[in-house]
């Protein structure tokens, strides 16, 4: 069985992540209802998960997949720079990132779910079955 990669995080983020879980946006709640309890092909997702010096909205350790739901902001350019920095660092740690806007989740949830399903299908195509390794 493939060993999970553990990504350490700043302990200072633990309490903030708990606060974020208790104050989810409507879009986060809608997406969470679709991916919690291993509903996505049996994969376990966590909400507001600290990774390194960041908190991602949703994370699946087995897939090494973070899902971000971005709200509206007046300082769009500054926020974009922050997202790019965060995404680049997560990619260096081996984490893929799927990003959706609040609007996308609220108005077209099914397409977002299809994007996550597509990621999982591609992941499974390229990940050897543990029972077939070494053959």
C-alpha atoms as a PDB file:
ATOM      1  CA  UNK A   1       0.000   0.000   0.000  1.00  0.00           C
ATOM      2  CA  UNK A   2       1.292   3.441  -0.910  1.00  0.00           C
ATOM      3  CA  UNK A   3       2.356   5.484   2.111  1.00  0.00           C
ATOM      4  CA  UNK A   4       0.615   8.833   2.564  1.00  0.00           C
ATOM      5  CA  UNK A   5       2.723  11.957   2.385  1.00  0.00           C
ATOM      6  CA  UNK A   6       2.240  14.026   5.531  1.00  0.00           C
ATOM      7  CA  UNK A   7       2.321  17.781   4.998  1.00  0.00           C
ATOM      8  CA  UNK A   8       3.254  19.612   8.195  1.00  0.00           C
ATOM      9  CA  UNK A   9       1.495  22.862   9.073  1.00  0.00           C
ATOM     10  CA  UNK A  10       1.900  25.776  11.400  1.00  0.00           C
ATOM     11  CA  UNK A  11       0.200  24.960  14.724  1.00  0.00           C
ATOM     12  CA  UNK A  12      -1.018  28.576  14.838  1.00  0.00           C
ATOM     13  CA  UNK A  13      -3.449  27.712  12.024  1.00  0.00           C
ATOM     14  CA  UNK A  14      -5.344  25.023  13.926  1.00  0.00           C
ATOM     15  CA  UNK A  15      -7.673  27.357  15.839  1.00  0.00           C
ATOM     16  CA  UNK A  16      -8.229  29.596  12.813  1.00  0.00           C
ATOM     17  CA  UNK A  17      -9.174  26.534  10.729  1.00  0.00           C
ATOM     18  CA  UNK A  18     -11.738  25.596  13.398  1.00  0.00           C
ATOM     19  CA  UNK A  19     -13.216  29.109  13.225  1.00  0.00           C
ATOM     20  CA  UNK A  20     -13.440  28.879   9.426  1.00  0.00           C
ATOM     21  CA  UNK A  21     -15.243  25.536   9.681  1.00  0.00           C
ATOM     22  CA  UNK A  22     -17.775  27.132  12.017  1.00  0.00           C
ATOM     23  CA  UNK A  23     -18.294  30.101   9.671  1.00  0.00           C
ATOM     24  CA  UNK A  24     -18.502  28.501   6.234  1.00  0.00           C
ATOM     25  CA  UNK A  25     -19.883  30.394   3.259  1.00  0.00           C
ATOM     26  CA  UNK A  26     -23.044  29.192   1.533  1.00  0.00           C
ATOM     27  CA  UNK A  27     -20.972  27.963  -1.423  1.00  0.00           C
ATOM     28  CA  UNK A  28     -18.636  25.993   0.879  1.00  0.00           C
ATOM     29  CA  UNK A  29     -21.614  24.381   2.604  1.00  0.00           C
ATOM     30  CA  UNK A  30     -23.174  23.367  -0.732  1.00  0.00           C
ATOM     31  CA  UNK A  31     -19.931  21.824  -1.985  1.00  0.00           C
ATOM     32  CA  UNK A  32     -19.283  20.113   1.352  1.00  0.00           C
ATOM     33  CA  UNK A  33     -22.700  18.440   1.171  1.00  0.00           C
ATOM     34  CA  UNK A  34     -21.580  16.818  -2.107  1.00  0.00           C
ATOM     35  CA  UNK A  35     -18.104  15.617  -1.095  1.00  0.00           C
ATOM     36  CA  UNK A  36     -18.317  14.748   2.614  1.00  0.00           C
ATOM     37  CA  UNK A  37     -18.488  11.208   4.004  1.00  0.00           C
ATOM     38  CA  UNK A  38     -16.593   9.664   1.100  1.00  0.00           C
ATOM     39  CA  UNK A  39     -19.347  10.495  -1.412  1.00  0.00           C
ATOM     40  CA  UNK A  40     -16.796  11.218  -4.140  1.00  0.00           C
ATOM     41  CA  UNK A  41     -15.723   7.737  -5.292  1.00  0.00           C
ATOM     42  CA  UNK A  42     -14.945   6.770  -1.695  1.00  0.00           C
ATOM     43  CA  UNK A  43     -12.346   9.501  -1.121  1.00  0.00           C
ATOM     44  CA  UNK A  44     -12.212  11.236   2.261  1.00  0.00           C
ATOM     45  CA  UNK A  45     -12.226  15.050   2.168  1.00  0.00           C
ATOM     46  CA  UNK A  46     -11.602  17.382   5.100  1.00  0.00           C
ATOM     47  CA  UNK A  47     -12.815  20.965   5.515  1.00  0.00           C
ATOM     48  CA  UNK A  48     -10.576  23.938   6.273  1.00  0.00           C
ATOM     49  CA  UNK A  49      -7.414  21.867   6.408  1.00  0.00           C
ATOM     50  CA  UNK A  50      -4.106  23.470   7.423  1.00  0.00           C
ATOM     51  CA  UNK A  51      -1.245  22.654   5.038  1.00  0.00           C
ATOM     52  CA  UNK A  52       2.159  24.296   5.436  1.00  0.00           C
ATOM     53  CA  UNK A  53       1.378  27.965   6.192  1.00  0.00           C
ATOM     54  CA  UNK A  54      -2.046  27.930   4.520  1.00  0.00           C
ATOM     55  CA  UNK A  55      -5.566  26.684   5.078  1.00  0.00           C
ATOM     56  CA  UNK A  56      -7.347  25.091   2.128  1.00  0.00           C
ATOM     57  CA  UNK A  57     -11.124  24.900   1.964  1.00  0.00           C
ATOM     58  CA  UNK A  58     -11.196  21.145   1.255  1.00  0.00           C
ATOM     59  CA  UNK A  59      -8.436  18.561   1.127  1.00  0.00           C
ATOM     60  CA  UNK A  60      -8.146  14.882   0.235  1.00  0.00           C
ATOM     61  CA  UNK A  61      -4.892  13.355   1.483  1.00  0.00           C
ATOM     62  CA  UNK A  62      -5.112  10.262  -0.719  1.00  0.00           C
ATOM     63  CA  UNK A  63      -5.594  12.321  -3.897  1.00  0.00           C
ATOM     64  CA  UNK A  64      -3.272  15.106  -2.715  1.00  0.00           C
ATOM     65  CA  UNK A  65      -6.052  17.427  -3.907  1.00  0.00           C
ATOM     66  CA  UNK A  66      -7.027  20.787  -2.458  1.00  0.00           C
ATOM     67  CA  UNK A  67     -10.268  22.460  -3.472  1.00  0.00           C
ATOM     68  CA  UNK A  68     -10.631  26.203  -3.025  1.00  0.00           C
ATOM     69  CA  UNK A  69     -13.869  28.190  -3.187  1.00  0.00           C
ATOM     70  CA  UNK A  70     -13.123  31.867  -3.737  1.00  0.00           C
ATOM     71  CA  UNK A  71     -15.463  34.633  -2.700  1.00  0.00           C
ATOM     72  CA  UNK A  72     -15.885  38.029  -4.305  1.00  0.00           C
ATOM     73  CA  UNK A  73     -13.347  40.727  -3.427  1.00  0.00           C
ATOM     74  CA  UNK A  74     -12.837  44.380  -4.332  1.00  0.00           C
ATOM     75  CA  UNK A  75      -9.059  43.953  -4.277  1.00  0.00           C
ATOM     76  CA  UNK A  76      -9.093  41.343  -7.028  1.00  0.00           C
ATOM     77  CA  UNK A  77      -5.479  41.811  -8.192  1.00  0.00           C
ATOM     78  CA  UNK A  78      -4.006  41.500  -4.689  1.00  0.00           C
ATOM     79  CA  UNK A  79      -6.142  38.461  -3.950  1.00  0.00           C
ATOM     80  CA  UNK A  80      -5.074  36.837  -7.251  1.00  0.00           C
ATOM     81  CA  UNK A  81      -1.399  37.326  -6.333  1.00  0.00           C
ATOM     82  CA  UNK A  82      -2.032  35.674  -2.971  1.00  0.00           C
ATOM     83  CA  UNK A  83      -3.847  32.736  -4.618  1.00  0.00           C
ATOM     84  CA  UNK A  84      -1.018  32.230  -7.109  1.00  0.00           C
ATOM     85  CA  UNK A  85       1.604  32.217  -4.343  1.00  0.00           C
ATOM     86  CA  UNK A  86      -0.462  29.749  -2.304  1.00  0.00           C
ATOM     87  CA  UNK A  87      -1.122  27.486  -5.281  1.00  0.00           C
ATOM     88  CA  UNK A  88       2.548  27.470  -6.348  1.00  0.00           C
ATOM     89  CA  UNK A  89       3.665  26.482  -2.842  1.00  0.00           C
ATOM     90  CA  UNK A  90       1.025  23.732  -2.612  1.00  0.00           C
ATOM     91  CA  UNK A  91       2.068  22.413  -6.040  1.00  0.00           C
ATOM     92  CA  UNK A  92       5.691  22.226  -4.824  1.00  0.00           C
ATOM     93  CA  UNK A  93       4.422  20.113  -1.907  1.00  0.00           C
ATOM     94  CA  UNK A  94       2.763  17.751  -4.386  1.00  0.00           C
ATOM     95  CA  UNK A  95      -0.781  19.082  -3.933  1.00  0.00           C
ATOM     96  CA  UNK A  96      -3.011  19.757  -6.934  1.00  0.00           C
ATOM     97  CA  UNK A  97      -5.500  22.604  -6.587  1.00  0.00           C
ATOM     98  CA  UNK A  98      -8.967  22.922  -8.092  1.00  0.00           C
ATOM     99  CA  UNK A  99     -10.371  26.421  -7.753  1.00  0.00           C
ATOM    100  CA  UNK A 100     -14.006  27.499  -8.049  1.00  0.00           C
ATOM    101  CA  UNK A 101     -15.674  30.838  -7.479  1.00  0.00           C
ATOM    102  CA  UNK A 102     -18.609  31.180  -5.087  1.00  0.00           C
ATOM    103  CA  UNK A 103     -20.710  32.006  -8.130  1.00  0.00           C
ATOM    104  CA  UNK A 104     -19.712  28.783  -9.922  1.00  0.00           C
ATOM    105  CA  UNK A 105     -20.617  26.653  -6.903  1.00  0.00           C
ATOM    106  CA  UNK A 106     -23.886  28.470  -6.231  1.00  0.00           C
ATOM    107  CA  UNK A 107     -25.096  28.634  -9.847  1.00  0.00           C
ATOM    108  CA  UNK A 108     -23.524  25.557 -11.453  1.00  0.00           C
ATOM    109  CA  UNK A 109     -22.713  23.033  -8.728  1.00  0.00           C
ATOM    110  CA  UNK A 110     -23.004  20.083 -11.114  1.00  0.00           C
ATOM    111  CA  UNK A 111     -20.158  21.342 -13.323  1.00  0.00           C
ATOM    112  CA  UNK A 112     -17.933  21.772 -10.267  1.00  0.00           C
ATOM    113  CA  UNK A 113     -18.711  18.233  -9.162  1.00  0.00           C
ATOM    114  CA  UNK A 114     -17.939  16.974 -12.673  1.00  0.00           C
ATOM    115  CA  UNK A 115     -14.545  18.730 -12.508  1.00  0.00           C
ATOM    116  CA  UNK A 116     -13.752  16.958  -9.240  1.00  0.00           C
ATOM    117  CA  UNK A 117     -14.921  13.632 -10.691  1.00  0.00           C
ATOM    118  CA  UNK A 118     -12.735  14.197 -13.759  1.00  0.00           C
ATOM    119  CA  UNK A 119      -9.712  14.827 -11.515  1.00  0.00           C
ATOM    120  CA  UNK A 120     -10.417  11.588  -9.620  1.00  0.00           C
ATOM    121  CA  UNK A 121     -10.867   9.543 -12.798  1.00  0.00           C
ATOM    122  CA  UNK A 122      -7.576  10.874 -14.207  1.00  0.00           C
ATOM    123  CA  UNK A 123      -5.846  10.223 -10.872  1.00  0.00           C
ATOM    124  CA  UNK A 124      -7.068   6.634 -10.835  1.00  0.00           C
ATOM    125  CA  UNK A 125      -5.967   6.071 -14.453  1.00  0.00           C
ATOM    126  CA  UNK A 126      -2.407   7.051 -13.566  1.00  0.00           C
ATOM    127  CA  UNK A 127      -2.156   5.459 -10.125  1.00  0.00           C
ATOM    128  CA  UNK A 128      -1.173   1.790 -10.057  1.00  0.00           C
ATOM    129  CA  UNK A 129      -3.430  -0.604  -8.233  1.00  0.00           C
ATOM    130  CA  UNK A 130      -1.437  -1.773  -5.146  1.00  0.00           C
ATOM    131  CA  UNK A 131      -2.267  -5.410  -5.965  1.00  0.00           C
ATOM    132  CA  UNK A 132      -0.679  -5.009  -9.427  1.00  0.00           C
ATOM    133  CA  UNK A 133       2.526  -3.246  -8.363  1.00  0.00           C
ATOM    134  CA  UNK A 134       5.684  -5.177  -9.114  1.00  0.00           C
ATOM    135  CA  UNK A 135       4.121  -7.256 -11.882  1.00  0.00           C
END
